[in-house]
C-alpha atoms as a PDB file:
ATOM      1  CA  MET A   1       5.445 -18.705  -0.238  1.00  0.00           C
ATOM      2  CA  SER A   2       2.836 -16.275  -1.782  1.00  0.00           C
ATOM      3  CA  ILE A   3       4.057 -12.649  -2.431  1.00  0.00           C
ATOM      4  CA  GLN A   4       0.860  -9.931  -2.024  1.00  0.00           C
ATOM      5  CA  ARG A   5       1.062  -6.554  -2.778  1.00  0.00           C
ATOM      6  CA  LEU A   6      -0.430  -3.590  -2.064  1.00  0.00           C
ATOM      7  CA  HIS A   7      -1.778  -0.172  -3.414  1.00  0.00           C
ATOM      8  CA  VAL A   8       0.069  -1.139  -6.740  1.00  0.00           C
ATOM      9  CA  GLY A   9       1.540   1.290  -8.965  1.00  0.00           C
ATOM     10  CA  PRO A  10       3.853   1.434 -12.568  1.00  0.00           C
ATOM     11  CA  ARG A  11       6.913   2.107  -9.981  1.00  0.00           C
ATOM     12  CA  LEU A  12       6.452   0.236  -6.704  1.00  0.00           C
ATOM     13  CA  SER A  13       3.714  -1.092  -4.424  1.00  0.00           C
ATOM     14  CA  GLN A  14       2.804   0.830  -1.229  1.00  0.00           C
ATOM     15  CA  VAL A  15       2.940  -2.580   0.998  1.00  0.00           C
ATOM     16  CA  VAL A  16       4.321  -6.575   0.058  1.00  0.00           C
ATOM     17  CA  ILE A  17       3.665  -9.433   1.793  1.00  0.00           C
ATOM     18  CA  HIS A  18       6.110 -12.199   1.797  1.00  0.00           C
ATOM     19  CA  GLY A  19       4.023 -15.014   4.360  1.00  0.00           C
ATOM     20  CA  ASP A  20       3.739 -13.629   7.577  1.00  0.00           C
ATOM     21  CA  THR A  21       6.320 -10.098   6.925  1.00  0.00           C
ATOM     22  CA  VAL A  22       4.670  -7.044   5.682  1.00  0.00           C
ATOM     23  CA  TYR A  23       7.153  -4.459   4.117  1.00  0.00           C
ATOM     24  CA  THR A  24       6.281  -0.696   3.571  1.00  0.00           C
ATOM     25  CA  ALA A  25       7.305   1.284   0.858  1.00  0.00           C
ATOM     26  CA  GLY A  26       9.072   4.438   2.170  1.00  0.00           C
ATOM     27  CA  VAL A  27       5.814   6.967   3.004  1.00  0.00           C
ATOM     28  CA  VAL A  28       6.025  10.777   2.906  1.00  0.00           C
ATOM     29  CA  ALA A  29       3.319  12.978   3.881  1.00  0.00           C
ATOM     30  CA  ASP A  30       0.253  13.790   1.918  1.00  0.00           C
ATOM     31  CA  ASP A  31       0.714  17.509   2.392  1.00  0.00           C
ATOM     32  CA  PRO A  32       4.400  18.312   2.392  1.00  0.00           C
ATOM     33  CA  THR A  33       3.720  22.333   3.531  1.00  0.00           C
ATOM     34  CA  VAL A  34       3.178  21.337   7.397  1.00  0.00           C
ATOM     35  CA  ASP A  35       6.268  21.271   9.421  1.00  0.00           C
ATOM     36  CA  ALA A  36       8.027  18.382  10.566  1.00  0.00           C
ATOM     37  CA  ALA A  37       5.882  17.025  13.144  1.00  0.00           C
ATOM     38  CA  GLY A  38       2.842  17.199  11.113  1.00  0.00           C
ATOM     39  CA  GLN A  39       4.188  15.289   8.351  1.00  0.00           C
ATOM     40  CA  THR A  40       5.208  12.696  10.607  1.00  0.00           C
ATOM     41  CA  ARG A  41       1.924  12.336  11.746  1.00  0.00           C
ATOM     42  CA  GLN A  42       0.412  12.251   8.015  1.00  0.00           C
ATOM     43  CA  ILE A  43       3.173   9.444   8.083  1.00  0.00           C
ATOM     44  CA  LEU A  44       1.991   7.387  10.993  1.00  0.00           C
ATOM     45  CA  ALA A  45      -1.456   7.599   9.803  1.00  0.00           C
ATOM     46  CA  ARG A  46      -1.006   6.138   6.551  1.00  0.00           C
ATOM     47  CA  ILE A  47       1.340   3.542   8.030  1.00  0.00           C
ATOM     48  CA  ASP A  48      -1.328   2.500  10.488  1.00  0.00           C
ATOM     49  CA  GLN A  49      -3.462   2.430   7.572  1.00  0.00           C
ATOM     50  CA  TYR A  50      -1.448   0.206   5.571  1.00  0.00           C
ATOM     51  CA  LEU A  51      -0.634  -2.357   8.212  1.00  0.00           C
ATOM     52  CA  GLY A  52      -4.239  -2.802   9.176  1.00  0.00           C
ATOM     53  CA  GLU A  53      -4.904  -3.602   5.575  1.00  0.00           C
ATOM     54  CA  ALA A  54      -1.705  -6.267   5.631  1.00  0.00           C
ATOM     55  CA  GLY A  55      -3.519  -7.856   8.989  1.00  0.00           C
ATOM     56  CA  SER A  56      -0.910  -6.431  10.979  1.00  0.00           C
ATOM     57  CA  ASP A  57      -0.437  -3.283  13.271  1.00  0.00           C
ATOM     58  CA  LYS A  58       2.368  -1.017  15.086  1.00  0.00           C
ATOM     59  CA  THR A  59       2.361  -3.503  17.625  1.00  0.00           C
ATOM     60  CA  LYS A  60       3.945  -6.567  15.429  1.00  0.00           C
ATOM     61  CA  ILE A  61       6.770  -3.766  13.660  1.00  0.00           C
ATOM     62  CA  LEU A  62       9.549  -5.166  14.023  1.00  0.00           C
ATOM     63  CA  SER A  63      11.847  -2.070  12.275  1.00  0.00           C
ATOM     64  CA  ALA A  64      11.648   1.262  10.561  1.00  0.00           C
ATOM     65  CA  THR A  65      14.165   3.137   8.822  1.00  0.00           C
ATOM     66  CA  ILE A  66      13.402   7.122   8.789  1.00  0.00           C
ATOM     67  CA  TRP A  67      14.949   9.792   6.501  1.00  0.00           C
ATOM     68  CA  LEU A  68      15.220  13.254   7.899  1.00  0.00           C
ATOM     69  CA  ALA A  69      15.685  16.185   5.437  1.00  0.00           C
ATOM     70  CA  ASP A  70      17.815  18.212   7.872  1.00  0.00           C
ATOM     71  CA  MET A  71      18.682  16.112  11.282  1.00  0.00           C
ATOM     72  CA  ILE A  72      17.215  19.482  13.038  1.00  0.00           C
ATOM     73  CA  ASP A  73      13.576  17.814  12.727  1.00  0.00           C
ATOM     74  CA  PHE A  74      15.166  15.121  14.529  1.00  0.00           C
ATOM     75  CA  PRO A  75      13.308  16.316  17.989  1.00  0.00           C
ATOM     76  CA  ALA A  76       9.543  17.291  15.940  1.00  0.00           C
ATOM     77  CA  MET A  77      10.109  13.925  14.472  1.00  0.00           C
ATOM     78  CA  ASN A  78      10.417  12.065  17.971  1.00  0.00           C
ATOM     79  CA  SER A  79       7.797  14.158  19.928  1.00  0.00           C
ATOM     80  CA  VAL A  80       5.252  12.111  17.282  1.00  0.00           C
ATOM     81  CA  TRP A  81       7.176   9.231  17.469  1.00  0.00           C
ATOM     82  CA  ASP A  82       7.079   8.184  20.654  1.00  0.00           C
ATOM     83  CA  PRO A  83       4.005   8.808  21.567  1.00  0.00           C
ATOM     84  CA  TRP A  84       3.157   6.404  18.859  1.00  0.00           C
ATOM     85  CA  VAL A  85       5.246   3.677  19.698  1.00  0.00           C
ATOM     86  CA  PRO A  86       3.267   1.388  21.742  1.00  0.00           C
ATOM     87  CA  ALA A  87       5.527   0.226  25.184  1.00  0.00           C
ATOM     88  CA  GLY A  88       7.519  -2.117  25.326  1.00  0.00           C
ATOM     89  CA  ALA A  89       7.282  -2.581  21.637  1.00  0.00           C
ATOM     90  CA  ALA A  90       9.451  -0.289  20.093  1.00  0.00           C
ATOM     91  CA  PRO A  91      11.051  -1.741  16.849  1.00  0.00           C
ATOM     92  CA  ALA A  92      14.596  -1.974  15.680  1.00  0.00           C
ATOM     93  CA  ARG A  93      15.008   1.760  14.104  1.00  0.00           C
ATOM     94  CA  ALA A  94      17.446   3.947  12.006  1.00  0.00           C
ATOM     95  CA  CYS A  95      16.972   7.649  11.678  1.00  0.00           C
ATOM     96  CA  VAL A  96      19.329   9.419   8.934  1.00  0.00           C
ATOM     97  CA  GLU A  97      19.707  12.366   7.229  1.00  0.00           C
ATOM     98  CA  ALA A  98      19.480  12.317   3.255  1.00  0.00           C
ATOM     99  CA  LYS A  99      17.958  14.400   0.146  1.00  0.00           C
ATOM    100  CA  LEU A 100      14.506  13.367   0.386  1.00  0.00           C
ATOM    101  CA  ALA A 101      12.343  13.290  -3.308  1.00  0.00           C
ATOM    102  CA  THR A 102      11.470  16.890  -2.933  1.00  0.00           C
ATOM    103  CA  PRO A 103      12.665  19.401  -1.030  1.00  0.00           C
ATOM    104  CA  ALA A 104       9.386  20.071   0.596  1.00  0.00           C
ATOM    105  CA  TYR A 105       9.451  16.445   1.899  1.00  0.00           C
ATOM    106  CA  ARG A 106      11.170  16.912   5.390  1.00  0.00           C
ATOM    107  CA  VAL A 107      10.557  12.937   6.754  1.00  0.00           C
ATOM    108  CA  GLU A 108      10.058   9.373   5.172  1.00  0.00           C
ATOM    109  CA  ILE A 109       9.575   6.864   6.680  1.00  0.00           C
ATOM    110  CA  ARG A 110       8.977   2.926   6.091  1.00  0.00           C
ATOM    111  CA  VAL A 111       8.888  -0.027   8.233  1.00  0.00           C
ATOM    112  CA  VAL A 112       8.681  -3.801   8.253  1.00  0.00           C
ATOM    113  CA  ALA A 113       6.194  -5.591  10.628  1.00  0.00           C
ATOM    114  CA  ALA A 114       5.081  -9.060  11.539  1.00  0.00           C
ATOM    115  CA  ARG A 115       1.241 -10.016  10.900  1.00  0.00           C
END
């Protein structure tokens, strides 16, 4: 089965496609100076972009992993996540608190989707 990589860097690929499955790397905000809701908006827009480039979309997300720097941001993140997820197409999801790469990052999200 073929493997295709998109947005390949020296350390990681932002998207890996294996057969009919699309994997994203953890996505963080381009502008981490905004609050958790703003970071989540940026991240979900990037996930939409990556899935589109891979021939998929958010209705085909199988699972999502969300890391929050502080669980206090859980309601703010969900205020953006909930309307973004298509009705009837919510993925399996885990959300945990973790120390992220830099203190400015409040949210990081990774998804796996079908094509």
